[in-house]
Amino acid sequence: MGLWTLLEGFLLLANALAILNEDRFLAPRGWSFSEFSVGKTKSFKGQIVGLIYATQYLRFPLILLNSLCVVIKLVSG
């Protein structure tokens, strides 16, 4: 496994986190961002919820990275 494969894996993970819907998936399971107060954000669950919301706010850079990845795959074969 090379560095490029590892980076593609992280990109796929970021894509998976970015498409999670709060109303349908996160809130019924107790993973809503509104449930965490200032003190609870230091917990592991709070850190994961923060990571999910960070990837959702960075959708435009993810689109650019996905496009770049597709172009590189088309050129390199």
PDB file of N, CA and C in Angstrom:
ATOM      1  N   MET A   1       0.856  -1.171   0.000  1.00  0.00           N
ATOM      2  CA  MET A   1       0.000   0.000   0.000  1.00  0.00           C
ATOM      3  C   MET A   1       0.900   1.232   0.000  1.00  0.00           C
ATOM      4  N   GLY A   2       0.665   2.078  -0.961  1.00  0.00           N
ATOM      5  CA  GLY A   2       1.471   3.274  -1.092  1.00  0.00           C
ATOM      6  C   GLY A   2       0.810   4.481  -0.461  1.00  0.00           C
ATOM      7  N   LEU A   3       1.506   5.581  -0.548  1.00  0.00           N
ATOM      8  CA  LEU A   3       1.004   6.836   0.008  1.00  0.00           C
ATOM      9  C   LEU A   3      -0.247   7.301  -0.729  1.00  0.00           C
ATOM     10  N   TRP A   4      -0.278   7.122  -2.059  1.00  0.00           N
ATOM     11  CA  TRP A   4      -1.441   7.544  -2.836  1.00  0.00           C
ATOM     12  C   TRP A   4      -2.690   6.759  -2.426  1.00  0.00           C
ATOM     13  N   THR A   5      -2.559   5.470  -2.193  1.00  0.00           N
ATOM     14  CA  THR A   5      -3.684   4.649  -1.766  1.00  0.00           C
ATOM     15  C   THR A   5      -4.191   5.084  -0.388  1.00  0.00           C
ATOM     16  N   LEU A   6      -3.272   5.423   0.487  1.00  0.00           N
ATOM     17  CA  LEU A   6      -3.647   5.904   1.809  1.00  0.00           C
ATOM     18  C   LEU A   6      -4.400   7.234   1.721  1.00  0.00           C
ATOM     19  N   LEU A   7      -3.916   8.141   0.874  1.00  0.00           N
ATOM     20  CA  LEU A   7      -4.602   9.423   0.691  1.00  0.00           C
ATOM     21  C   LEU A   7      -5.988   9.238   0.076  1.00  0.00           C
ATOM     22  N   GLU A   8      -6.131   8.310  -0.855  1.00  0.00           N
ATOM     23  CA  GLU A   8      -7.443   8.015  -1.426  1.00  0.00           C
ATOM     24  C   GLU A   8      -8.389   7.453  -0.370  1.00  0.00           C
ATOM     25  N   GLY A   9      -7.871   6.640   0.510  1.00  0.00           N
ATOM     26  CA  GLY A   9      -8.690   6.099   1.592  1.00  0.00           C
ATOM     27  C   GLY A   9      -9.202   7.190   2.521  1.00  0.00           C
ATOM     28  N   PHE A  10      -8.336   8.144   2.864  1.00  0.00           N
ATOM     29  CA  PHE A  10      -8.765   9.263   3.701  1.00  0.00           C
ATOM     30  C   PHE A  10      -9.783  10.143   2.986  1.00  0.00           C
ATOM     31  N   LEU A  11      -9.629  10.295   1.676  1.00  0.00           N
ATOM     32  CA  LEU A  11     -10.588  11.064   0.893  1.00  0.00           C
ATOM     33  C   LEU A  11     -11.944  10.371   0.878  1.00  0.00           C
ATOM     34  N   LEU A  12     -11.951   9.065   0.731  1.00  0.00           N
ATOM     35  CA  LEU A  12     -13.208   8.314   0.772  1.00  0.00           C
ATOM     36  C   LEU A  12     -13.869   8.398   2.148  1.00  0.00           C
ATOM     37  N   LEU A  13     -13.071   8.361   3.204  1.00  0.00           N
ATOM     38  CA  LEU A  13     -13.617   8.503   4.558  1.00  0.00           C
ATOM     39  C   LEU A  13     -14.206   9.892   4.762  1.00  0.00           C
ATOM     40  N   ALA A  14     -13.535  10.916   4.271  1.00  0.00           N
ATOM     41  CA  ALA A  14     -14.056  12.284   4.381  1.00  0.00           C
ATOM     42  C   ALA A  14     -15.358  12.425   3.594  1.00  0.00           C
ATOM     43  N   ASN A  15     -15.444  11.784   2.427  1.00  0.00           N
ATOM     44  CA  ASN A  15     -16.680  11.805   1.656  1.00  0.00           C
ATOM     45  C   ASN A  15     -17.815  11.121   2.420  1.00  0.00           C
ATOM     46  N   ALA A  16     -17.506  10.017   3.058  1.00  0.00           N
ATOM     47  CA  ALA A  16     -18.534   9.298   3.816  1.00  0.00           C
ATOM     48  C   ALA A  16     -19.047  10.134   4.981  1.00  0.00           C
ATOM     49  N   LEU A  17     -18.168  10.854   5.657  1.00  0.00           N
ATOM     50  CA  LEU A  17     -18.592  11.696   6.773  1.00  0.00           C
ATOM     51  C   LEU A  17     -19.356  12.923   6.303  1.00  0.00           C
ATOM     52  N   ALA A  18     -19.018  13.419   5.118  1.00  0.00           N
ATOM     53  CA  ALA A  18     -19.637  14.649   4.619  1.00  0.00           C
ATOM     54  C   ALA A  18     -21.090  14.435   4.198  1.00  0.00           C
ATOM     55  N   ILE A  19     -21.466  13.215   3.835  1.00  0.00           N
ATOM     56  CA  ILE A  19     -22.823  12.995   3.346  1.00  0.00           C
ATOM     57  C   ILE A  19     -23.790  12.559   4.441  1.00  0.00           C
ATOM     58  N   LEU A  20     -23.321  12.418   5.680  1.00  0.00           N
ATOM     59  CA  LEU A  20     -24.220  12.019   6.758  1.00  0.00           C
ATOM     60  C   LEU A  20     -25.220  13.136   7.051  1.00  0.00           C
ATOM     61  N   ASN A  21     -26.498  12.791   7.093  1.00  0.00           N
ATOM     62  CA  ASN A  21     -27.554  13.758   7.338  1.00  0.00           C
ATOM     63  C   ASN A  21     -27.858  13.783   8.835  1.00  0.00           C
ATOM     64  N   GLU A  22     -27.909  14.989   9.406  1.00  0.00           N
ATOM     65  CA  GLU A  22     -28.143  15.104  10.845  1.00  0.00           C
ATOM     66  C   GLU A  22     -29.555  14.662  11.230  1.00  0.00           C
ATOM     67  N   ASP A  23     -30.544  15.096  10.479  1.00  0.00           N
ATOM     68  CA  ASP A  23     -31.930  14.788  10.842  1.00  0.00           C
ATOM     69  C   ASP A  23     -32.253  13.302  10.698  1.00  0.00           C
ATOM     70  N   ARG A  24     -31.752  12.676   9.661  1.00  0.00           N
ATOM     71  CA  ARG A  24     -32.094  11.281   9.407  1.00  0.00           C
ATOM     72  C   ARG A  24     -31.198  10.287  10.125  1.00  0.00           C
ATOM     73  N   PHE A  25     -29.927  10.601  10.257  1.00  0.00           N
ATOM     74  CA  PHE A  25     -28.990   9.611  10.765  1.00  0.00           C
ATOM     75  C   PHE A  25     -28.391   9.965  12.124  1.00  0.00           C
ATOM     76  N   LEU A  26     -27.916  11.179  12.275  1.00  0.00           N
ATOM     77  CA  LEU A  26     -27.149  11.520  13.479  1.00  0.00           C
ATOM     78  C   LEU A  26     -28.033  11.772  14.701  1.00  0.00           C
ATOM     79  N   ALA A  27     -29.087  12.564  14.557  1.00  0.00           N
ATOM     80  CA  ALA A  27     -29.917  12.946  15.706  1.00  0.00           C
ATOM     81  C   ALA A  27     -30.626  11.756  16.354  1.00  0.00           C
ATOM     82  N   PRO A  28     -31.208  10.819  15.597  1.00  0.00           N
ATOM     83  CA  PRO A  28     -31.854   9.683  16.262  1.00  0.00           C
ATOM     84  C   PRO A  28     -30.890   8.800  17.051  1.00  0.00           C
ATOM     85  N   ARG A  29     -29.633   8.845  16.733  1.00  0.00           N
ATOM     86  CA  ARG A  29     -28.645   8.025  17.434  1.00  0.00           C
ATOM     87  C   ARG A  29     -27.910   8.791  18.534  1.00  0.00           C
ATOM     88  N   GLY A  30     -28.285  10.043  18.759  1.00  0.00           N
ATOM     89  CA  GLY A  30     -27.664  10.841  19.808  1.00  0.00           C
ATOM     90  C   GLY A  30     -26.346  11.474  19.412  1.00  0.00           C
ATOM     91  N   TRP A  31     -26.102  11.646  18.121  1.00  0.00           N
ATOM     92  CA  TRP A  31     -24.858  12.215  17.646  1.00  0.00           C
ATOM     93  C   TRP A  31     -25.055  13.616  17.096  1.00  0.00           C
ATOM     94  N   SER A  32     -26.069  14.322  17.536  1.00  0.00           N
ATOM     95  CA  SER A  32     -26.354  15.667  17.051  1.00  0.00           C
ATOM     96  C   SER A  32     -25.402  16.665  17.699  1.00  0.00           C
ATOM     97  N   PHE A  33     -25.020  17.675  16.939  1.00  0.00           N
ATOM     98  CA  PHE A  33     -24.086  18.678  17.448  1.00  0.00           C
ATOM     99  C   PHE A  33     -24.729  19.539  18.527  1.00  0.00           C
ATOM    100  N   SER A  34     -26.046  19.696  18.481  1.00  0.00           N
ATOM    101  CA  SER A  34     -26.735  20.532  19.463  1.00  0.00           C
ATOM    102  C   SER A  34     -26.785  19.882  20.844  1.00  0.00           C
ATOM    103  N   GLU A  35     -26.571  18.585  20.922  1.00  0.00           N
ATOM    104  CA  GLU A  35     -26.606  17.885  22.213  1.00  0.00           C
ATOM    105  C   GLU A  35     -25.343  18.083  23.035  1.00  0.00           C
ATOM    106  N   PHE A  36     -24.303  18.599  22.422  1.00  0.00           N
ATOM    107  CA  PHE A  36     -23.039  18.738  23.122  1.00  0.00           C
ATOM    108  C   PHE A  36     -22.853  20.163  23.605  1.00  0.00           C
ATOM    109  N   SER A  37     -22.682  20.298  24.900  1.00  0.00           N
ATOM    110  CA  SER A  37     -22.384  21.605  25.459  1.00  0.00           C
ATOM    111  C   SER A  37     -20.875  21.833  25.388  1.00  0.00           C
ATOM    112  N   VAL A  38     -20.427  22.944  25.913  1.00  0.00           N
ATOM    113  CA  VAL A  38     -19.011  23.299  25.811  1.00  0.00           C
ATOM    114  C   VAL A  38     -18.133  22.274  26.527  1.00  0.00           C
ATOM    115  N   GLY A  39     -18.567  21.752  27.645  1.00  0.00           N
ATOM    116  CA  GLY A  39     -17.756  20.803  28.399  1.00  0.00           C
ATOM    117  C   GLY A  39     -17.693  19.428  27.785  1.00  0.00           C
ATOM    118  N   LYS A  40     -18.719  19.035  27.063  1.00  0.00           N
ATOM    119  CA  LYS A  40     -18.763  17.688  26.504  1.00  0.00           C
ATOM    120  C   LYS A  40     -17.984  17.538  25.203  1.00  0.00           C
ATOM    121  N   THR A  41     -17.562  18.630  24.606  1.00  0.00           N
ATOM    122  CA  THR A  41     -16.862  18.526  23.328  1.00  0.00           C
ATOM    123  C   THR A  41     -15.469  17.933  23.476  1.00  0.00           C
ATOM    124  N   LYS A  42     -14.969  17.798  24.687  1.00  0.00           N
ATOM    125  CA  LYS A  42     -13.653  17.207  24.903  1.00  0.00           C
ATOM    126  C   LYS A  42     -13.704  15.694  24.938  1.00  0.00           C
ATOM    127  N   SER A  43     -14.895  15.115  25.030  1.00  0.00           N
ATOM    128  CA  SER A  43     -14.999  13.662  25.055  1.00  0.00           C
ATOM    129  C   SER A  43     -14.731  13.101  23.665  1.00  0.00           C
ATOM    130  N   PHE A  44     -14.525  11.792  23.596  1.00  0.00           N
ATOM    131  CA  PHE A  44     -14.246  11.153  22.312  1.00  0.00           C
ATOM    132  C   PHE A  44     -15.435  11.289  21.367  1.00  0.00           C
ATOM    133  N   LYS A  45     -16.643  11.106  21.908  1.00  0.00           N
ATOM    134  CA  LYS A  45     -17.846  11.244  21.081  1.00  0.00           C
ATOM    135  C   LYS A  45     -17.989  12.687  20.584  1.00  0.00           C
ATOM    136  N   GLY A  46     -17.684  13.651  21.412  1.00  0.00           N
ATOM    137  CA  GLY A  46     -17.734  15.046  21.004  1.00  0.00           C
ATOM    138  C   GLY A  46     -16.713  15.364  19.923  1.00  0.00           C
ATOM    139  N   GLN A  47     -15.549  14.753  20.013  1.00  0.00           N
ATOM    140  CA  GLN A  47     -14.517  14.950  18.995  1.00  0.00           C
ATOM    141  C   GLN A  47     -14.952  14.356  17.651  1.00  0.00           C
ATOM    142  N   ILE A  48     -15.588  13.193  17.678  1.00  0.00           N
ATOM    143  CA  ILE A  48     -16.063  12.555  16.441  1.00  0.00           C
ATOM    144  C   ILE A  48     -17.172  13.389  15.815  1.00  0.00           C
ATOM    145  N   VAL A  49     -18.097  13.890  16.628  1.00  0.00           N
ATOM    146  CA  VAL A  49     -19.176  14.737  16.103  1.00  0.00           C
ATOM    147  C   VAL A  49     -18.592  16.017  15.517  1.00  0.00           C
ATOM    148  N   GLY A  50     -17.598  16.587  16.153  1.00  0.00           N
ATOM    149  CA  GLY A  50     -16.931  17.768  15.611  1.00  0.00           C
ATOM    150  C   GLY A  50     -16.245  17.484  14.283  1.00  0.00           C
ATOM    151  N   LEU A  51     -15.640  16.299  14.157  1.00  0.00           N
ATOM    152  CA  LEU A  51     -15.021  15.907  12.898  1.00  0.00           C
ATOM    153  C   LEU A  51     -16.061  15.755  11.790  1.00  0.00           C
ATOM    154  N   ILE A  52     -17.219  15.181  12.120  1.00  0.00           N
ATOM    155  CA  ILE A  52     -18.295  15.024  11.134  1.00  0.00           C
ATOM    156  C   ILE A  52     -18.763  16.389  10.654  1.00  0.00           C
ATOM    157  N   TYR A  53     -18.959  17.308  11.563  1.00  0.00           N
ATOM    158  CA  TYR A  53     -19.429  18.634  11.168  1.00  0.00           C
ATOM    159  C   TYR A  53     -18.355  19.423  10.425  1.00  0.00           C
ATOM    160  N   ALA A  54     -17.099  19.210  10.748  1.00  0.00           N
ATOM    161  CA  ALA A  54     -16.030  19.886  10.010  1.00  0.00           C
ATOM    162  C   ALA A  54     -15.990  19.410   8.562  1.00  0.00           C
ATOM    163  N   THR A  55     -16.169  18.113   8.342  1.00  0.00           N
ATOM    164  CA  THR A  55     -16.168  17.617   6.966  1.00  0.00           C
ATOM    165  C   THR A  55     -17.407  18.085   6.210  1.00  0.00           C
ATOM    166  N   GLN A  56     -18.517  18.293   6.910  1.00  0.00           N
ATOM    167  CA  GLN A  56     -19.708  18.784   6.233  1.00  0.00           C
ATOM    168  C   GLN A  56     -19.558  20.244   5.814  1.00  0.00           C
ATOM    169  N   TYR A  57     -18.814  21.015   6.571  1.00  0.00           N
ATOM    170  CA  TYR A  57     -18.582  22.413   6.198  1.00  0.00           C
ATOM    171  C   TYR A  57     -17.547  22.543   5.084  1.00  0.00           C
ATOM    172  N   LEU A  58     -16.717  21.541   4.904  1.00  0.00           N
ATOM    173  CA  LEU A  58     -15.668  21.587   3.889  1.00  0.00           C
ATOM    174  C   LEU A  58     -16.057  20.795   2.645  1.00  0.00           C
ATOM    175  N   ARG A  59     -17.307  20.874   2.241  1.00  0.00           N
ATOM    176  CA  ARG A  59     -17.759  20.112   1.070  1.00  0.00           C
ATOM    177  C   ARG A  59     -17.149  20.632  -0.216  1.00  0.00           C
ATOM    178  N   PHE A  60     -16.994  21.937  -0.366  1.00  0.00           N
ATOM    179  CA  PHE A  60     -16.429  22.476  -1.601  1.00  0.00           C
ATOM    180  C   PHE A  60     -14.980  22.027  -1.819  1.00  0.00           C
ATOM    181  N   PRO A  61     -14.111  22.093  -0.806  1.00  0.00           N
ATOM    182  CA  PRO A  61     -12.764  21.538  -1.014  1.00  0.00           C
ATOM    183  C   PRO A  61     -12.782  20.035  -1.292  1.00  0.00           C
ATOM    184  N   LEU A  62     -13.733  19.309  -0.723  1.00  0.00           N
ATOM    185  CA  LEU A  62     -13.843  17.885  -1.021  1.00  0.00           C
ATOM    186  C   LEU A  62     -14.213  17.649  -2.477  1.00  0.00           C
ATOM    187  N   ILE A  63     -15.081  18.487  -3.025  1.00  0.00           N
ATOM    188  CA  ILE A  63     -15.439  18.370  -4.430  1.00  0.00           C
ATOM    189  C   ILE A  63     -14.208  18.591  -5.299  1.00  0.00           C
ATOM    190  N   LEU A  64     -13.407  19.580  -4.951  1.00  0.00           N
ATOM    191  CA  LEU A  64     -12.183  19.852  -5.716  1.00  0.00           C
ATOM    192  C   LEU A  64     -11.184  18.697  -5.608  1.00  0.00           C
ATOM    193  N   LEU A  65     -11.025  18.148  -4.413  1.00  0.00           N
ATOM    194  CA  LEU A  65     -10.107  17.024  -4.238  1.00  0.00           C
ATOM    195  C   LEU A  65     -10.591  15.784  -4.973  1.00  0.00           C
ATOM    196  N   ASN A  66     -11.904  15.543  -4.973  1.00  0.00           N
ATOM    197  CA  ASN A  66     -12.452  14.414  -5.715  1.00  0.00           C
ATOM    198  C   ASN A  66     -12.223  14.590  -7.204  1.00  0.00           C
ATOM    199  N   SER A  67     -12.429  15.789  -7.705  1.00  0.00           N
ATOM    200  CA  SER A  67     -12.197  16.059  -9.132  1.00  0.00           C
ATOM    201  C   SER A  67     -10.730  15.856  -9.495  1.00  0.00           C
ATOM    202  N   LEU A  68      -9.843  16.338  -8.638  1.00  0.00           N
ATOM    203  CA  LEU A  68      -8.418  16.156  -8.866  1.00  0.00           C
ATOM    204  C   LEU A  68      -8.043  14.673  -8.865  1.00  0.00           C
ATOM    205  N   CYS A  69      -8.606  13.924  -7.960  1.00  0.00           N
ATOM    206  CA  CYS A  69      -8.338  12.497  -7.877  1.00  0.00           C
ATOM    207  C   CYS A  69      -8.822  11.774  -9.141  1.00  0.00           C
ATOM    208  N   VAL A  70      -9.989  12.142  -9.637  1.00  0.00           N
ATOM    209  CA  VAL A  70     -10.514  11.534 -10.859  1.00  0.00           C
ATOM    210  C   VAL A  70      -9.627  11.853 -12.052  1.00  0.00           C
ATOM    211  N   VAL A  71      -9.176  13.090 -12.158  1.00  0.00           N
ATOM    212  CA  VAL A  71      -8.308  13.483 -13.271  1.00  0.00           C
ATOM    213  C   VAL A  71      -6.994  12.730 -13.218  1.00  0.00           C
ATOM    214  N   ILE A  72      -6.426  12.607 -12.037  1.00  0.00           N
ATOM    215  CA  ILE A  72      -5.154  11.884 -11.889  1.00  0.00           C
ATOM    216  C   ILE A  72      -5.340  10.413 -12.247  1.00  0.00           C
ATOM    217  N   LYS A  73      -6.453   9.815 -11.839  1.00  0.00           N
ATOM    218  CA  LYS A  73      -6.711   8.417 -12.186  1.00  0.00           C
ATOM    219  C   LYS A  73      -6.899   8.245 -13.692  1.00  0.00           C
ATOM    220  N   LEU A  74      -7.557   9.207 -14.342  1.00  0.00           N
ATOM    221  CA  LEU A  74      -7.738   9.119 -15.794  1.00  0.00           C
ATOM    222  C   LEU A  74      -6.411   9.255 -16.534  1.00  0.00           C
ATOM    223  N   VAL A  75      -5.546  10.134 -16.064  1.00  0.00           N
ATOM    224  CA  VAL A  75      -4.260  10.360 -16.734  1.00  0.00           C
ATOM    225  C   VAL A  75      -3.298   9.186 -16.492  1.00  0.00           C
ATOM    226  N   SER A  76      -3.271   8.714 -15.259  1.00  0.00           N
ATOM    227  CA  SER A  76      -2.285   7.668 -14.933  1.00  0.00           C
ATOM    228  C   SER A  76      -2.746   6.268 -15.324  1.00  0.00           C
ATOM    229  N   GLY A  77      -4.033   6.086 -15.516  1.00  0.00           N
ATOM    230  CA  GLY A  77      -4.523   4.781 -15.972  1.00  0.00           C
ATOM    231  C   GLY A  77      -4.976   3.934 -14.910  1.00  0.00           C
TER     232      GLY A  77
END
